[in-house]
Amino acid sequence: MIDTQQPLIVPDTAAETRWPLAMAELRGHGIVSFCSLPLTTARRRIGALGFGSRPPLTYTATDIAFLGEVAKLVAVAATTR
């Protein structure tokens, strides 16, 4: 996600095998579905913003577009001093 600057969508944290420790942590908090979006400004990449859901959730293209707009606002707010 950081390299590609694309959203990362995990529909089922129990089935995700790429990041076992992170998924175990999310499951420990009851998170079943997870979505992470890059926080990027015109000048730099500053991190990621994650959203989790306790009930199973399928993130739609509309959901991702909306959360992407939220991430843009958070990125600007995080860099404003």
PDB file of N, CA and C in Angstrom:
ATOM      1  N   MET A   1       0.820  -1.185   0.000  1.00  0.00           N
ATOM      2  CA  MET A   1       0.000   0.000   0.000  1.00  0.00           C
ATOM      3  C   MET A   1       0.868   1.256   0.000  1.00  0.00           C
ATOM      4  N   ILE A   2       1.914   1.293   0.790  1.00  0.00           N
ATOM      5  CA  ILE A   2       2.744   2.500   0.836  1.00  0.00           C
ATOM      6  C   ILE A   2       3.431   2.725  -0.504  1.00  0.00           C
ATOM      7  N   ASP A   3       3.936   1.657  -1.095  1.00  0.00           N
ATOM      8  CA  ASP A   3       4.612   1.800  -2.385  1.00  0.00           C
ATOM      9  C   ASP A   3       3.651   2.164  -3.504  1.00  0.00           C
ATOM     10  N   THR A   4       2.484   1.553  -3.507  1.00  0.00           N
ATOM     11  CA  THR A   4       1.538   1.770  -4.594  1.00  0.00           C
ATOM     12  C   THR A   4       0.583   2.927  -4.348  1.00  0.00           C
ATOM     13  N   GLN A   5       0.463   3.358  -3.093  1.00  0.00           N
ATOM     14  CA  GLN A   5      -0.478   4.409  -2.705  1.00  0.00           C
ATOM     15  C   GLN A   5      -1.916   4.019  -3.041  1.00  0.00           C
ATOM     16  N   GLN A   6      -2.215   2.737  -2.958  1.00  0.00           N
ATOM     17  CA  GLN A   6      -3.554   2.216  -3.203  1.00  0.00           C
ATOM     18  C   GLN A   6      -4.163   1.748  -1.884  1.00  0.00           C
ATOM     19  N   PRO A   7      -5.477   1.737  -1.778  1.00  0.00           N
ATOM     20  CA  PRO A   7      -6.116   1.220  -0.571  1.00  0.00           C
ATOM     21  C   PRO A   7      -5.796  -0.264  -0.374  1.00  0.00           C
ATOM     22  N   LEU A   8      -5.733  -0.660   0.874  1.00  0.00           N
ATOM     23  CA  LEU A   8      -5.565  -2.064   1.229  1.00  0.00           C
ATOM     24  C   LEU A   8      -6.872  -2.514   1.859  1.00  0.00           C
ATOM     25  N   ILE A   9      -7.489  -3.525   1.286  1.00  0.00           N
ATOM     26  CA  ILE A   9      -8.771  -4.013   1.791  1.00  0.00           C
ATOM     27  C   ILE A   9      -8.593  -5.453   2.253  1.00  0.00           C
ATOM     28  N   VAL A  10      -8.965  -5.705   3.509  1.00  0.00           N
ATOM     29  CA  VAL A  10      -8.912  -7.047   4.083  1.00  0.00           C
ATOM     30  C   VAL A  10     -10.338  -7.416   4.475  1.00  0.00           C
ATOM     31  N   PRO A  11     -11.013  -8.227   3.662  1.00  0.00           N
ATOM     32  CA  PRO A  11     -12.404  -8.571   3.955  1.00  0.00           C
ATOM     33  C   PRO A  11     -12.560  -9.453   5.192  1.00  0.00           C
ATOM     34  N   ASP A  12     -11.525 -10.265   5.488  1.00  0.00           N
ATOM     35  CA  ASP A  12     -11.615 -11.185   6.611  1.00  0.00           C
ATOM     36  C   ASP A  12     -10.238 -11.307   7.262  1.00  0.00           C
ATOM     37  N   THR A  13     -10.068 -10.685   8.422  1.00  0.00           N
ATOM     38  CA  THR A  13      -8.765 -10.693   9.091  1.00  0.00           C
ATOM     39  C   THR A  13      -8.333 -12.109   9.485  1.00  0.00           C
ATOM     40  N   ALA A  14      -9.272 -13.017   9.665  1.00  0.00           N
ATOM     41  CA  ALA A  14      -8.928 -14.398  10.015  1.00  0.00           C
ATOM     42  C   ALA A  14      -8.345 -15.151   8.821  1.00  0.00           C
ATOM     43  N   ALA A  15      -8.693 -14.743   7.611  1.00  0.00           N
ATOM     44  CA  ALA A  15      -8.214 -15.420   6.413  1.00  0.00           C
ATOM     45  C   ALA A  15      -6.958 -14.779   5.830  1.00  0.00           C
ATOM     46  N   GLU A  16      -6.618 -13.576   6.275  1.00  0.00           N
ATOM     47  CA  GLU A  16      -5.450 -12.858   5.738  1.00  0.00           C
ATOM     48  C   GLU A  16      -4.169 -13.458   6.311  1.00  0.00           C
ATOM     49  N   THR A  17      -3.231 -13.840   5.430  1.00  0.00           N
ATOM     50  CA  THR A  17      -2.000 -14.499   5.873  1.00  0.00           C
ATOM     51  C   THR A  17      -0.750 -13.629   5.734  1.00  0.00           C
ATOM     52  N   ARG A  18      -0.850 -12.472   5.099  1.00  0.00           N
ATOM     53  CA  ARG A  18       0.354 -11.671   4.840  1.00  0.00           C
ATOM     54  C   ARG A  18       0.942 -11.018   6.084  1.00  0.00           C
ATOM     55  N   TRP A  19       0.119 -10.636   7.030  1.00  0.00           N
ATOM     56  CA  TRP A  19       0.598  -9.938   8.222  1.00  0.00           C
ATOM     57  C   TRP A  19       0.002 -10.589   9.468  1.00  0.00           C
ATOM     58  N   PRO A  20       0.507 -11.743   9.866  1.00  0.00           N
ATOM     59  CA  PRO A  20      -0.130 -12.500  10.946  1.00  0.00           C
ATOM     60  C   PRO A  20      -0.210 -11.752  12.273  1.00  0.00           C
ATOM     61  N   LEU A  21       0.823 -11.015  12.645  1.00  0.00           N
ATOM     62  CA  LEU A  21       0.779 -10.298  13.928  1.00  0.00           C
ATOM     63  C   LEU A  21      -0.225  -9.157  13.902  1.00  0.00           C
ATOM     64  N   ALA A  22      -0.240  -8.411  12.812  1.00  0.00           N
ATOM     65  CA  ALA A  22      -1.191  -7.302  12.705  1.00  0.00           C
ATOM     66  C   ALA A  22      -2.626  -7.813  12.676  1.00  0.00           C
ATOM     67  N   MET A  23      -2.858  -8.891  11.938  1.00  0.00           N
ATOM     68  CA  MET A  23      -4.216  -9.440  11.862  1.00  0.00           C
ATOM     69  C   MET A  23      -4.650 -10.004  13.212  1.00  0.00           C
ATOM     70  N   ALA A  24      -3.727 -10.617  13.943  1.00  0.00           N
ATOM     71  CA  ALA A  24      -4.050 -11.124  15.280  1.00  0.00           C
ATOM     72  C   ALA A  24      -4.422  -9.967  16.205  1.00  0.00           C
ATOM     73  N   GLU A  25      -3.715  -8.866  16.085  1.00  0.00           N
ATOM     74  CA  GLU A  25      -4.018  -7.675  16.898  1.00  0.00           C
ATOM     75  C   GLU A  25      -5.414  -7.147  16.571  1.00  0.00           C
ATOM     76  N   LEU A  26      -5.730  -7.047  15.293  1.00  0.00           N
ATOM     77  CA  LEU A  26      -7.056  -6.581  14.894  1.00  0.00           C
ATOM     78  C   LEU A  26      -8.140  -7.523  15.407  1.00  0.00           C
ATOM     79  N   ARG A  27      -7.926  -8.829  15.219  1.00  0.00           N
ATOM     80  CA  ARG A  27      -8.909  -9.802  15.711  1.00  0.00           C
ATOM     81  C   ARG A  27      -9.064  -9.715  17.223  1.00  0.00           C
ATOM     82  N   GLY A  28      -7.970  -9.426  17.917  1.00  0.00           N
ATOM     83  CA  GLY A  28      -8.028  -9.253  19.368  1.00  0.00           C
ATOM     84  C   GLY A  28      -8.936  -8.112  19.791  1.00  0.00           C
ATOM     85  N   HIS A  29      -9.124  -7.167  18.910  1.00  0.00           N
ATOM     86  CA  HIS A  29     -10.029  -6.037  19.159  1.00  0.00           C
ATOM     87  C   HIS A  29     -11.401  -6.260  18.524  1.00  0.00           C
ATOM     88  N   GLY A  30     -11.609  -7.460  18.004  1.00  0.00           N
ATOM     89  CA  GLY A  30     -12.900  -7.798  17.414  1.00  0.00           C
ATOM     90  C   GLY A  30     -13.087  -7.347  15.984  1.00  0.00           C
ATOM     91  N   ILE A  31     -12.006  -6.903  15.329  1.00  0.00           N
ATOM     92  CA  ILE A  31     -12.108  -6.400  13.959  1.00  0.00           C
ATOM     93  C   ILE A  31     -12.106  -7.576  12.984  1.00  0.00           C
ATOM     94  N   VAL A  32     -13.147  -7.655  12.165  1.00  0.00           N
ATOM     95  CA  VAL A  32     -13.284  -8.728  11.180  1.00  0.00           C
ATOM     96  C   VAL A  32     -12.859  -8.241   9.797  1.00  0.00           C
ATOM     97  N   SER A  33     -13.292  -7.065   9.408  1.00  0.00           N
ATOM     98  CA  SER A  33     -12.953  -6.488   8.104  1.00  0.00           C
ATOM     99  C   SER A  33     -12.152  -5.214   8.339  1.00  0.00           C
ATOM    100  N   PHE A  34     -11.204  -4.938   7.433  1.00  0.00           N
ATOM    101  CA  PHE A  34     -10.294  -3.817   7.632  1.00  0.00           C
ATOM    102  C   PHE A  34      -9.971  -3.167   6.293  1.00  0.00           C
ATOM    103  N   CYS A  35      -9.835  -1.860   6.320  1.00  0.00           N
ATOM    104  CA  CYS A  35      -9.463  -1.098   5.132  1.00  0.00           C
ATOM    105  C   CYS A  35      -8.460  -0.028   5.559  1.00  0.00           C
ATOM    106  N   SER A  36      -7.370   0.094   4.827  1.00  0.00           N
ATOM    107  CA  SER A  36      -6.355   1.094   5.110  1.00  0.00           C
ATOM    108  C   SER A  36      -6.112   1.913   3.859  1.00  0.00           C
ATOM    109  N   LEU A  37      -6.039   3.231   4.043  1.00  0.00           N
ATOM    110  CA  LEU A  37      -5.823   4.131   2.911  1.00  0.00           C
ATOM    111  C   LEU A  37      -4.600   5.000   3.178  1.00  0.00           C
ATOM    112  N   PRO A  38      -3.855   5.330   2.118  1.00  0.00           N
ATOM    113  CA  PRO A  38      -2.666   6.151   2.303  1.00  0.00           C
ATOM    114  C   PRO A  38      -3.017   7.590   2.690  1.00  0.00           C
ATOM    115  N   LEU A  39      -2.185   8.146   3.549  1.00  0.00           N
ATOM    116  CA  LEU A  39      -2.270   9.574   3.881  1.00  0.00           C
ATOM    117  C   LEU A  39      -1.136  10.257   3.123  1.00  0.00           C
ATOM    118  N   THR A  40      -1.516  11.002   2.119  1.00  0.00           N
ATOM    119  CA  THR A  40      -0.539  11.615   1.226  1.00  0.00           C
ATOM    120  C   THR A  40      -0.927  13.058   0.958  1.00  0.00           C
ATOM    121  N   THR A  41       0.075  13.920   0.988  1.00  0.00           N
ATOM    122  CA  THR A  41      -0.149  15.308   0.582  1.00  0.00           C
ATOM    123  C   THR A  41       0.584  15.528  -0.743  1.00  0.00           C
ATOM    124  N   ALA A  42       0.482  16.717  -1.280  1.00  0.00           N
ATOM    125  CA  ALA A  42       1.190  17.027  -2.520  1.00  0.00           C
ATOM    126  C   ALA A  42       2.701  16.940  -2.332  1.00  0.00           C
ATOM    127  N   ARG A  43       3.154  17.059  -1.084  1.00  0.00           N
ATOM    128  CA  ARG A  43       4.593  17.088  -0.818  1.00  0.00           C
ATOM    129  C   ARG A  43       5.185  15.764  -0.363  1.00  0.00           C
ATOM    130  N   ARG A  44       4.369  14.948   0.345  1.00  0.00           N
ATOM    131  CA  ARG A  44       4.963  13.720   0.878  1.00  0.00           C
ATOM    132  C   ARG A  44       3.913  12.712   1.334  1.00  0.00           C
ATOM    133  N   ARG A  45       4.401  11.510   1.543  1.00  0.00           N
ATOM    134  CA  ARG A  45       3.592  10.449   2.125  1.00  0.00           C
ATOM    135  C   ARG A  45       3.778  10.517   3.636  1.00  0.00           C
ATOM    136  N   ILE A  46       2.670  10.535   4.371  1.00  0.00           N
ATOM    137  CA  ILE A  46       2.816  10.692   5.816  1.00  0.00           C
ATOM    138  C   ILE A  46       2.335   9.497   6.626  1.00  0.00           C
ATOM    139  N   GLY A  47       1.703   8.530   5.999  1.00  0.00           N
ATOM    140  CA  GLY A  47       1.260   7.357   6.741  1.00  0.00           C
ATOM    141  C   GLY A  47       0.031   6.732   6.131  1.00  0.00           C
ATOM    142  N   ALA A  48      -0.774   6.151   6.999  1.00  0.00           N
ATOM    143  CA  ALA A  48      -1.986   5.474   6.544  1.00  0.00           C
ATOM    144  C   ALA A  48      -3.091   5.684   7.572  1.00  0.00           C
ATOM    145  N   LEU A  49      -4.303   5.573   7.106  1.00  0.00           N
ATOM    146  CA  LEU A  49      -5.488   5.689   7.952  1.00  0.00           C
ATOM    147  C   LEU A  49      -6.281   4.406   7.800  1.00  0.00           C
ATOM    148  N   GLY A  50      -6.530   3.732   8.919  1.00  0.00           N
ATOM    149  CA  GLY A  50      -7.222   2.457   8.876  1.00  0.00           C
ATOM    150  C   GLY A  50      -8.630   2.539   9.441  1.00  0.00           C
ATOM    151  N   PHE A  51      -9.509   1.748   8.858  1.00  0.00           N
ATOM    152  CA  PHE A  51     -10.891   1.633   9.309  1.00  0.00           C
ATOM    153  C   PHE A  51     -11.181   0.150   9.511  1.00  0.00           C
ATOM    154  N   GLY A  52     -11.750  -0.184  10.639  1.00  0.00           N
ATOM    155  CA  GLY A  52     -12.084  -1.570  10.909  1.00  0.00           C
ATOM    156  C   GLY A  52     -13.566  -1.730  11.196  1.00  0.00           C
ATOM    157  N   SER A  53     -14.045  -2.939  10.963  1.00  0.00           N
ATOM    158  CA  SER A  53     -15.448  -3.243  11.190  1.00  0.00           C
ATOM    159  C   SER A  53     -15.553  -4.546  11.970  1.00  0.00           C
ATOM    160  N   ARG A  54     -16.365  -4.535  13.006  1.00  0.00           N
ATOM    161  CA  ARG A  54     -16.577  -5.764  13.760  1.00  0.00           C
ATOM    162  C   ARG A  54     -17.483  -6.736  13.014  1.00  0.00           C
ATOM    163  N   PRO A  55     -18.610  -6.286  12.453  1.00  0.00           N
ATOM    164  CA  PRO A  55     -19.357  -7.232  11.614  1.00  0.00           C
ATOM    165  C   PRO A  55     -18.648  -7.373  10.265  1.00  0.00           C
ATOM    166  N   PRO A  56     -18.752  -8.525   9.621  1.00  0.00           N
ATOM    167  CA  PRO A  56     -18.145  -8.662   8.292  1.00  0.00           C
ATOM    168  C   PRO A  56     -18.689  -7.584   7.353  1.00  0.00           C
ATOM    169  N   LEU A  57     -17.805  -6.981   6.602  1.00  0.00           N
ATOM    170  CA  LEU A  57     -18.198  -5.869   5.738  1.00  0.00           C
ATOM    171  C   LEU A  57     -17.481  -5.990   4.406  1.00  0.00           C
ATOM    172  N   THR A  58     -18.202  -5.804   3.346  1.00  0.00           N
ATOM    173  CA  THR A  58     -17.599  -5.726   2.025  1.00  0.00           C
ATOM    174  C   THR A  58     -17.505  -4.248   1.665  1.00  0.00           C
ATOM    175  N   TYR A  59     -16.272  -3.745   1.565  1.00  0.00           N
ATOM    176  CA  TYR A  59     -16.086  -2.345   1.200  1.00  0.00           C
ATOM    177  C   TYR A  59     -16.357  -2.190  -0.290  1.00  0.00           C
ATOM    178  N   THR A  60     -17.307  -1.351  -0.634  1.00  0.00           N
ATOM    179  CA  THR A  60     -17.665  -1.117  -2.031  1.00  0.00           C
ATOM    180  C   THR A  60     -16.771  -0.030  -2.625  1.00  0.00           C
ATOM    181  N   ALA A  61     -16.832   0.132  -3.917  1.00  0.00           N
ATOM    182  CA  ALA A  61     -16.081   1.199  -4.584  1.00  0.00           C
ATOM    183  C   ALA A  61     -16.514   2.559  -4.048  1.00  0.00           C
ATOM    184  N   THR A  62     -17.798   2.706  -3.754  1.00  0.00           N
ATOM    185  CA  THR A  62     -18.304   3.960  -3.189  1.00  0.00           C
ATOM    186  C   THR A  62     -17.728   4.191  -1.801  1.00  0.00           C
ATOM    187  N   ASP A  63     -17.682   3.138  -0.985  1.00  0.00           N
ATOM    188  CA  ASP A  63     -17.081   3.246   0.350  1.00  0.00           C
ATOM    189  C   ASP A  63     -15.624   3.686   0.253  1.00  0.00           C
ATOM    190  N   ILE A  64     -14.871   3.043  -0.628  1.00  0.00           N
ATOM    191  CA  ILE A  64     -13.452   3.351  -0.782  1.00  0.00           C
ATOM    192  C   ILE A  64     -13.255   4.779  -1.270  1.00  0.00           C
ATOM    193  N   ALA A  65     -14.088   5.226  -2.191  1.00  0.00           N
ATOM    194  CA  ALA A  65     -13.990   6.606  -2.685  1.00  0.00           C
ATOM    195  C   ALA A  65     -14.242   7.597  -1.554  1.00  0.00           C
ATOM    196  N   PHE A  66     -15.269   7.329  -0.752  1.00  0.00           N
ATOM    197  CA  PHE A  66     -15.573   8.215   0.366  1.00  0.00           C
ATOM    198  C   PHE A  66     -14.438   8.207   1.395  1.00  0.00           C
ATOM    199  N   LEU A  67     -13.971   7.021   1.765  1.00  0.00           N
ATOM    200  CA  LEU A  67     -12.885   6.934   2.745  1.00  0.00           C
ATOM    201  C   LEU A  67     -11.597   7.562   2.205  1.00  0.00           C
ATOM    202  N   GLY A  68     -11.394   7.491   0.896  1.00  0.00           N
ATOM    203  CA  GLY A  68     -10.249   8.163   0.283  1.00  0.00           C
ATOM    204  C   GLY A  68     -10.324   9.670   0.447  1.00  0.00           C
ATOM    205  N   GLU A  69     -11.530  10.222   0.316  1.00  0.00           N
ATOM    206  CA  GLU A  69     -11.704  11.668   0.540  1.00  0.00           C
ATOM    207  C   GLU A  69     -11.445  12.025   2.005  1.00  0.00           C
ATOM    208  N   VAL A  70     -11.906  11.174   2.901  1.00  0.00           N
ATOM    209  CA  VAL A  70     -11.637  11.388   4.338  1.00  0.00           C
ATOM    210  C   VAL A  70     -10.128  11.366   4.580  1.00  0.00           C
ATOM    211  N   ALA A  71      -9.434  10.399   3.989  1.00  0.00           N
ATOM    212  CA  ALA A  71      -7.986  10.295   4.163  1.00  0.00           C
ATOM    213  C   ALA A  71      -7.273  11.543   3.644  1.00  0.00           C
ATOM    214  N   LYS A  72      -7.732  12.094   2.535  1.00  0.00           N
ATOM    215  CA  LYS A  72      -7.128  13.329   2.019  1.00  0.00           C
ATOM    216  C   LYS A  72      -7.273  14.477   3.020  1.00  0.00           C
ATOM    217  N   LEU A  73      -8.457  14.598   3.600  1.00  0.00           N
ATOM    218  CA  LEU A  73      -8.683  15.653   4.590  1.00  0.00           C
ATOM    219  C   LEU A  73      -7.830  15.447   5.831  1.00  0.00           C
ATOM    220  N   VAL A  74      -7.721  14.214   6.280  1.00  0.00           N
ATOM    221  CA  VAL A  74      -6.896  13.916   7.463  1.00  0.00           C
ATOM    222  C   VAL A  74      -5.435  14.219   7.169  1.00  0.00           C
ATOM    223  N   ALA A  75      -4.968  13.884   5.973  1.00  0.00           N
ATOM    224  CA  ALA A  75      -3.567  14.151   5.604  1.00  0.00           C
ATOM    225  C   ALA A  75      -3.279  15.649   5.651  1.00  0.00           C
ATOM    226  N   VAL A  76      -4.185  16.438   5.116  1.00  0.00           N
ATOM    227  CA  VAL A  76      -3.991  17.898   5.147  1.00  0.00           C
ATOM    228  C   VAL A  76      -4.020  18.410   6.576  1.00  0.00           C
ATOM    229  N   ALA A  77      -4.986  17.941   7.361  1.00  0.00           N
ATOM    230  CA  ALA A  77      -5.087  18.372   8.756  1.00  0.00           C
ATOM    231  C   ALA A  77      -3.869  17.968   9.563  1.00  0.00           C
ATOM    232  N   ALA A  78      -3.324  16.793   9.280  1.00  0.00           N
ATOM    233  CA  ALA A  78      -2.171  16.303  10.038  1.00  0.00           C
ATOM    234  C   ALA A  78      -0.899  17.101   9.745  1.00  0.00           C
ATOM    235  N   THR A  79      -0.843  17.729   8.583  1.00  0.00           N
ATOM    236  CA  THR A  79       0.364  18.477   8.226  1.00  0.00           C
ATOM    237  C   THR A  79       0.214  19.982   8.426  1.00  0.00           C
ATOM    238  N   THR A  80      -0.976  20.434   8.768  1.00  0.00           N
ATOM    239  CA  THR A  80      -1.201  21.858   8.994  1.00  0.00           C
ATOM    240  C   THR A  80      -0.720  22.216  10.398  1.00  0.00           C
ATOM    241  N   ARG A  81       0.020  23.274  10.471  1.00  0.00           N
ATOM    242  CA  ARG A  81       0.542  23.689  11.793  1.00  0.00           C
ATOM    243  C   ARG A  81       0.051  25.046  12.159  1.00  0.00           C
TER     244      ARG A  81
END
